[in-house]
Amino acid sequence: MQKKQKSIKRLKKGVAEMQNKLIILKLRLGIEGVEKDPLLLTLLDSAKNYILSYTGRKEEKWIPIFDDIQVKIASIDYNKLGIENLSSQTEGSISNSYIDDYPKDITNILNKYRVCRVV
């Protein structure tokens, strides 16, 4: 019975943390309402998977500093929607260049927490 209660408590905590990240992401992007919540939650989940994959960590080894990075990555991915696979675009006399990778400040932090694996 205690294991079930612990699992429920952990699940509630995870839901609350995701809701907080969703609120912060919406504030960063200037989004109000709930119509984009499914997309934003998907982007947050994708960002989490990227962080875990990049650092070689398991979900149980998630550290609090990753929370802010997760929101930043989701924000970047949201802003890149519609321009995937483009490196630059010119319309008339206006030229736009796009970044392919995440900014160095993000990767520098993630590099500090990469897990080495011996094969």
Protein backbone atom coordinates (compact mmCIF):
# COMPACT_ATOMS: atom_id res chain seq x y z
CA MET A 1 0.00 0.00 0.00
CA GLN A 2 2.83 2.42 0.82
CA LYS A 3 4.44 1.84 -2.59
CA LYS A 4 1.18 2.81 -4.28
CA GLN A 5 0.92 5.99 -2.20
CA LYS A 6 4.54 6.91 -3.04
CA SER A 7 3.88 6.33 -6.73
CA ILE A 8 0.78 8.53 -6.62
CA LYS A 9 2.69 11.24 -4.75
CA ARG A 10 5.53 11.12 -7.30
CA LEU A 11 3.03 11.30 -10.16
CA LYS A 12 1.28 14.33 -8.65
CA LYS A 13 4.64 16.04 -8.17
CA GLY A 14 5.57 15.35 -11.82
CA VAL A 15 2.27 16.79 -13.06
CA ALA A 16 2.71 19.92 -10.91
CA GLU A 17 6.27 20.43 -12.19
CA MET A 18 5.13 20.09 -15.82
CA GLN A 19 2.32 22.60 -15.22
CA ASN A 20 4.85 25.08 -13.78
CA LYS A 21 7.11 24.62 -16.81
CA LEU A 22 4.11 25.11 -19.11
CA ILE A 23 3.23 28.38 -17.36
CA ILE A 24 6.82 29.64 -17.63
CA LEU A 25 7.00 28.64 -21.31
CA LYS A 26 3.74 30.44 -22.08
CA LEU A 27 5.01 33.57 -20.32
CA ARG A 28 8.27 33.49 -22.32
CA LEU A 29 6.37 33.12 -25.58
CA GLY A 30 3.60 35.57 -24.70
CA ILE A 31 0.91 32.94 -25.15
CA GLU A 32 -2.41 33.15 -23.34
CA GLY A 33 -5.22 30.63 -23.22
CA VAL A 34 -5.06 26.86 -23.44
CA GLU A 35 -5.48 26.13 -27.15
CA LYS A 36 -1.71 25.66 -27.71
CA ASP A 37 -1.13 23.67 -24.52
CA PRO A 38 -0.97 20.26 -26.27
CA LEU A 39 1.71 21.54 -28.66
CA LEU A 40 3.67 23.23 -25.85
CA LEU A 41 3.52 20.10 -23.68
CA THR A 42 4.81 18.06 -26.63
CA LEU A 43 7.69 20.52 -27.09
CA LEU A 44 8.52 20.32 -23.37
CA ASP A 45 8.52 16.52 -23.55
CA SER A 46 10.71 16.60 -26.64
CA ALA A 47 13.13 19.00 -24.91
CA LYS A 48 13.31 16.67 -21.92
CA ASN A 49 14.11 13.73 -24.19
CA TYR A 50 16.81 15.78 -25.93
CA ILE A 51 18.42 16.72 -22.60
CA LEU A 52 18.41 13.12 -21.35
CA SER A 53 19.80 11.83 -24.64
CA TYR A 54 22.46 14.54 -24.92
CA THR A 55 23.69 14.08 -21.35
CA GLY A 56 23.34 10.29 -21.33
CA ARG A 57 21.31 10.44 -18.14
CA LYS A 58 18.24 8.52 -17.10
CA GLU A 59 15.07 10.27 -16.00
CA GLU A 60 15.76 9.38 -12.36
CA LYS A 61 19.01 11.39 -12.59
CA TRP A 62 17.25 14.61 -13.71
CA ILE A 63 18.70 17.61 -11.90
CA PRO A 64 16.93 20.93 -11.21
CA ILE A 65 19.17 22.98 -13.54
CA PHE A 66 17.70 21.01 -16.45
CA ASP A 67 14.25 22.51 -15.78
CA ASP A 68 15.21 25.96 -17.06
CA ILE A 69 17.10 24.49 -20.01
CA GLN A 70 14.07 22.37 -20.89
CA VAL A 71 11.89 25.50 -21.09
CA LYS A 72 14.53 27.35 -23.14
CA ILE A 73 14.83 24.48 -25.63
CA ALA A 74 11.04 24.20 -25.93
CA SER A 75 10.88 27.96 -26.55
CA ILE A 76 13.52 27.75 -29.28
CA ASP A 77 11.75 24.80 -30.89
CA TYR A 78 8.44 26.68 -30.83
CA ASN A 79 10.02 29.64 -32.59
CA LYS A 80 11.55 27.32 -35.20
CA LEU A 81 8.19 25.81 -36.16
CA GLY A 82 7.59 26.34 -39.85
CA ILE A 83 11.24 26.97 -40.68
CA GLU A 84 12.57 23.47 -40.06
CA ASN A 85 15.27 22.40 -42.51
CA LEU A 86 15.95 26.00 -43.62
CA SER A 87 19.36 27.55 -43.14
CA SER A 88 18.53 30.84 -44.87
CA GLN A 89 15.76 32.47 -46.86
CA THR A 90 15.64 35.53 -49.10
CA GLU A 91 12.51 37.43 -50.09
CA GLY A 92 13.22 40.45 -52.25
CA SER A 93 15.87 42.50 -50.50
CA ILE A 94 15.28 40.83 -47.10
CA SER A 95 17.51 37.93 -46.13
CA ASN A 96 17.05 35.77 -43.03
CA SER A 97 19.51 33.25 -41.58
CA TYR A 98 18.47 30.55 -39.10
CA ILE A 99 20.42 28.65 -36.48
CA ASP A 100 20.46 24.87 -36.69
CA ASP A 101 21.77 24.05 -33.22
CA TYR A 102 20.95 25.24 -29.75
CA PRO A 103 22.90 28.25 -28.43
CA LYS A 104 26.30 27.65 -26.86
CA ASP A 105 25.11 28.72 -23.41
CA ILE A 106 22.71 25.77 -23.40
CA THR A 107 25.17 23.20 -24.73
CA ASN A 108 27.92 24.46 -22.40
CA ILE A 109 25.71 23.80 -19.37
CA LEU A 110 24.61 20.41 -20.67
CA ASN A 111 28.23 19.44 -21.38
CA LYS A 112 29.03 19.86 -17.68
CA TYR A 113 26.47 17.18 -16.80
CA ARG A 114 27.20 14.60 -19.49
CA VAL A 115 27.67 11.10 -18.19
CA CYS A 116 30.67 9.17 -19.44
CA ARG A 117 30.04 5.59 -20.45
CA VAL A 118 32.67 2.90 -20.75
CA VAL A 119 32.11 0.41 -23.52
